[in-house]
Amino acid sequence: MPEPSTTCSRQVLPDENDCVKLFKAVRISKYVAQENIEPLPYPRRCTHRVLPNYFEGYDPITGRHASVTASRVHSSTLT
């Protein structure tokens, strides 16, 4: 395992349902070592309370969340 100072970590938004199953509570965010991040082998919708701030919706065909428009991001930061 690499030295902690050389390991790159990412802050991620974990699926809230997974957190309840694994940790018995919701986790708003987690830090994950870069080498532990893997793509899912199949498309899956993530459930997290802040996703509407970053995404407009989920496309089950592509397995991707659709980004919010720039105008919506700008207007939400003004309120």
N, C-alpha and C. Protein backbone atom coordinates (compact mmCIF):
# COMPACT_ATOMS: atom_id res chain seq x y z
N MET A 1 0.85 -1.18 0.00
CA MET A 1 0.00 0.00 0.00
C MET A 1 0.89 1.24 0.00
N PRO A 2 0.53 2.26 -0.80
CA PRO A 2 1.35 3.48 -0.86
C PRO A 2 1.33 4.25 0.46
N GLU A 3 2.33 5.09 0.63
CA GLU A 3 2.38 5.96 1.80
C GLU A 3 1.15 6.88 1.78
N PRO A 4 0.56 7.18 2.94
CA PRO A 4 -0.63 8.05 2.98
C PRO A 4 -0.44 9.39 2.29
N SER A 5 0.76 9.96 2.37
CA SER A 5 0.99 11.27 1.77
C SER A 5 1.02 11.21 0.24
N THR A 6 1.22 10.02 -0.33
CA THR A 6 1.28 9.89 -1.79
C THR A 6 -0.01 9.34 -2.38
N THR A 7 -0.94 8.96 -1.53
CA THR A 7 -2.21 8.42 -2.00
C THR A 7 -3.17 9.55 -2.32
N CYS A 8 -3.74 9.49 -3.50
CA CYS A 8 -4.72 10.50 -3.91
C CYS A 8 -6.11 10.06 -3.45
N SER A 9 -6.80 10.94 -2.74
CA SER A 9 -8.16 10.64 -2.28
C SER A 9 -9.16 11.52 -2.99
N ARG A 10 -10.36 11.01 -3.15
CA ARG A 10 -11.46 11.74 -3.77
C ARG A 10 -12.62 11.81 -2.81
N GLN A 11 -13.27 12.96 -2.76
CA GLN A 11 -14.49 13.08 -1.98
C GLN A 11 -15.63 12.64 -2.88
N VAL A 12 -16.42 11.69 -2.42
CA VAL A 12 -17.51 11.15 -3.23
C VAL A 12 -18.84 11.28 -2.49
N LEU A 13 -19.92 11.22 -3.26
CA LEU A 13 -21.26 11.21 -2.70
C LEU A 13 -21.76 9.76 -2.73
N PRO A 14 -21.74 9.08 -1.59
CA PRO A 14 -22.14 7.68 -1.58
C PRO A 14 -23.66 7.53 -1.66
N ASP A 15 -24.09 6.42 -2.21
CA ASP A 15 -25.52 6.12 -2.26
C ASP A 15 -26.04 6.00 -0.82
N GLU A 16 -27.09 6.76 -0.50
CA GLU A 16 -27.59 6.78 0.87
C GLU A 16 -28.14 5.43 1.30
N ASN A 17 -28.78 4.71 0.40
CA ASN A 17 -29.32 3.39 0.76
C ASN A 17 -28.19 2.41 1.08
N ASP A 18 -27.11 2.47 0.30
CA ASP A 18 -25.95 1.62 0.59
C ASP A 18 -25.36 1.95 1.95
N CYS A 19 -25.28 3.23 2.29
CA CYS A 19 -24.72 3.64 3.58
C CYS A 19 -25.55 3.11 4.74
N VAL A 20 -26.87 3.18 4.59
CA VAL A 20 -27.74 2.68 5.65
C VAL A 20 -27.52 1.18 5.83
N LYS A 21 -27.40 0.45 4.72
CA LYS A 21 -27.15 -1.00 4.80
C LYS A 21 -25.80 -1.31 5.44
N LEU A 22 -24.77 -0.59 5.03
CA LEU A 22 -23.41 -0.88 5.49
C LEU A 22 -23.06 -0.28 6.85
N PHE A 23 -23.50 0.99 7.07
CA PHE A 23 -23.07 1.72 8.26
C PHE A 23 -24.20 2.02 9.24
N LYS A 24 -25.43 1.63 8.86
CA LYS A 24 -26.63 1.87 9.69
C LYS A 24 -26.97 3.35 9.83
N ALA A 25 -26.43 4.18 8.91
CA ALA A 25 -26.73 5.62 8.92
C ALA A 25 -26.34 6.20 7.57
N VAL A 26 -26.94 7.33 7.25
CA VAL A 26 -26.62 8.04 6.01
C VAL A 26 -25.26 8.71 6.17
N ARG A 27 -24.46 8.68 5.13
CA ARG A 27 -23.19 9.41 5.07
C ARG A 27 -23.34 10.45 3.97
N ILE A 28 -23.12 11.71 4.29
CA ILE A 28 -23.27 12.76 3.29
C ILE A 28 -22.15 12.71 2.27
N SER A 29 -20.93 12.47 2.72
CA SER A 29 -19.82 12.31 1.79
C SER A 29 -18.79 11.38 2.42
N LYS A 30 -17.92 10.86 1.58
CA LYS A 30 -16.85 9.97 2.03
C LYS A 30 -15.60 10.31 1.25
N TYR A 31 -14.46 10.12 1.87
CA TYR A 31 -13.19 10.21 1.15
C TYR A 31 -12.76 8.79 0.81
N VAL A 32 -12.41 8.59 -0.46
CA VAL A 32 -12.05 7.27 -0.95
C VAL A 32 -10.70 7.38 -1.66
N ALA A 33 -9.82 6.44 -1.37
CA ALA A 33 -8.53 6.41 -2.06
C ALA A 33 -8.76 6.14 -3.54
N GLN A 34 -8.05 6.87 -4.37
CA GLN A 34 -8.20 6.76 -5.84
C GLN A 34 -8.16 5.30 -6.30
N GLU A 35 -7.23 4.53 -5.75
CA GLU A 35 -7.08 3.14 -6.22
C GLU A 35 -8.24 2.24 -5.81
N ASN A 36 -9.11 2.71 -4.92
CA ASN A 36 -10.28 1.93 -4.51
C ASN A 36 -11.55 2.30 -5.28
N ILE A 37 -11.46 3.25 -6.19
CA ILE A 37 -12.63 3.65 -6.97
C ILE A 37 -12.70 2.79 -8.23
N GLU A 38 -13.85 2.15 -8.41
CA GLU A 38 -14.08 1.29 -9.57
C GLU A 38 -15.43 1.61 -10.18
N PRO A 39 -15.54 1.58 -11.49
CA PRO A 39 -16.86 1.77 -12.11
C PRO A 39 -17.75 0.57 -11.81
N LEU A 40 -19.03 0.82 -11.72
CA LEU A 40 -19.98 -0.27 -11.54
C LEU A 40 -20.04 -1.12 -12.80
N PRO A 41 -20.21 -2.42 -12.67
CA PRO A 41 -20.27 -3.27 -13.86
C PRO A 41 -21.58 -3.12 -14.64
N TYR A 42 -22.53 -2.39 -14.08
CA TYR A 42 -23.83 -2.19 -14.71
C TYR A 42 -24.36 -0.82 -14.29
N PRO A 43 -25.20 -0.19 -15.10
CA PRO A 43 -25.77 1.11 -14.71
C PRO A 43 -26.65 0.97 -13.47
N ARG A 44 -26.53 1.92 -12.58
CA ARG A 44 -27.33 1.90 -11.36
C ARG A 44 -27.55 3.33 -10.89
N ARG A 45 -28.76 3.63 -10.53
CA ARG A 45 -29.09 4.97 -10.06
C ARG A 45 -28.61 5.16 -8.62
N CYS A 46 -27.96 6.28 -8.38
CA CYS A 46 -27.48 6.63 -7.05
C CYS A 46 -28.53 7.50 -6.36
N THR A 47 -28.80 7.21 -5.10
CA THR A 47 -29.75 8.00 -4.32
C THR A 47 -28.96 8.82 -3.30
N HIS A 48 -29.07 10.15 -3.43
CA HIS A 48 -28.37 11.04 -2.50
C HIS A 48 -29.10 12.38 -2.48
N ARG A 49 -29.28 12.93 -1.32
CA ARG A 49 -30.08 14.16 -1.15
C ARG A 49 -29.55 15.39 -1.89
N VAL A 50 -28.26 15.45 -2.20
CA VAL A 50 -27.73 16.63 -2.89
C VAL A 50 -27.65 16.47 -4.41
N LEU A 51 -27.96 15.29 -4.95
CA LEU A 51 -27.87 15.09 -6.40
C LEU A 51 -28.70 16.10 -7.20
N PRO A 52 -29.89 16.51 -6.74
CA PRO A 52 -30.64 17.52 -7.51
C PRO A 52 -29.90 18.85 -7.65
N ASN A 53 -28.92 19.11 -6.79
CA ASN A 53 -28.12 20.34 -6.92
C ASN A 53 -27.17 20.26 -8.10
N TYR A 54 -26.83 19.05 -8.52
CA TYR A 54 -25.84 18.85 -9.58
C TYR A 54 -26.41 18.21 -10.85
N PHE A 55 -27.52 17.51 -10.71
CA PHE A 55 -28.08 16.76 -11.83
C PHE A 55 -29.58 17.01 -11.94
N GLU A 56 -30.07 17.06 -13.20
CA GLU A 56 -31.50 17.26 -13.43
C GLU A 56 -32.28 15.96 -13.38
N GLY A 57 -31.64 14.86 -13.64
CA GLY A 57 -32.35 13.60 -13.63
C GLY A 57 -31.42 12.45 -13.97
N TYR A 58 -32.01 11.28 -14.09
CA TYR A 58 -31.26 10.05 -14.36
C TYR A 58 -31.84 9.40 -15.61
N ASP A 59 -30.97 8.98 -16.51
CA ASP A 59 -31.38 8.28 -17.72
C ASP A 59 -31.07 6.80 -17.55
N PRO A 60 -32.09 5.96 -17.35
CA PRO A 60 -31.82 4.54 -17.13
C PRO A 60 -31.25 3.82 -18.35
N ILE A 61 -31.43 4.39 -19.52
CA ILE A 61 -30.90 3.76 -20.74
C ILE A 61 -29.38 3.91 -20.79
N THR A 62 -28.88 5.11 -20.51
CA THR A 62 -27.43 5.33 -20.53
C THR A 62 -26.77 5.04 -19.19
N GLY A 63 -27.59 5.00 -18.13
CA GLY A 63 -27.03 4.78 -16.79
C GLY A 63 -26.30 5.99 -16.27
N ARG A 64 -26.70 7.19 -16.74
CA ARG A 64 -26.01 8.41 -16.33
C ARG A 64 -27.00 9.43 -15.78
N HIS A 65 -26.49 10.25 -14.88
CA HIS A 65 -27.26 11.38 -14.38
C HIS A 65 -27.02 12.55 -15.33
N ALA A 66 -28.07 13.30 -15.66
CA ALA A 66 -27.96 14.45 -16.56
C ALA A 66 -27.58 15.69 -15.77
N SER A 67 -26.54 16.38 -16.20
CA SER A 67 -26.07 17.59 -15.52
C SER A 67 -27.10 18.70 -15.57
N VAL A 68 -27.10 19.54 -14.53
CA VAL A 68 -27.98 20.70 -14.52
C VAL A 68 -27.44 21.72 -15.51
N THR A 69 -28.32 22.56 -16.02
CA THR A 69 -27.89 23.59 -16.96
C THR A 69 -27.15 24.70 -16.22
N ALA A 70 -26.31 25.40 -16.91
CA ALA A 70 -25.52 26.48 -16.30
C ALA A 70 -26.41 27.56 -15.72
N SER A 71 -27.53 27.87 -16.37
CA SER A 71 -28.41 28.92 -15.86
C SER A 71 -29.05 28.50 -14.55
N ARG A 72 -29.37 27.21 -14.41
CA ARG A 72 -29.96 26.74 -13.16
C ARG A 72 -28.94 26.78 -12.03
N VAL A 73 -27.70 26.43 -12.31
CA VAL A 73 -26.65 26.48 -11.29
C VAL A 73 -26.46 27.91 -10.84
N HIS A 74 -26.42 28.86 -11.80
CA HIS A 74 -26.22 30.26 -11.46
C HIS A 74 -27.37 30.79 -10.62
N SER A 75 -28.60 30.51 -11.00
CA SER A 75 -29.76 31.02 -10.27
C SER A 75 -29.86 30.40 -8.88
N SER A 76 -29.45 29.13 -8.71
CA SER A 76 -29.54 28.49 -7.40
C SER A 76 -28.50 29.06 -6.44
N THR A 77 -27.40 29.60 -6.95
CA THR A 77 -26.39 30.18 -6.07
C THR A 77 -26.78 31.57 -5.61
N LEU A 78 -27.77 32.17 -6.27
CA LEU A 78 -28.19 33.53 -5.90
C LEU A 78 -29.23 33.52 -4.79
N THR A 79 -29.86 32.37 -4.57
CA THR A 79 -30.92 32.33 -3.54
C THR A 79 -30.41 31.82 -2.22
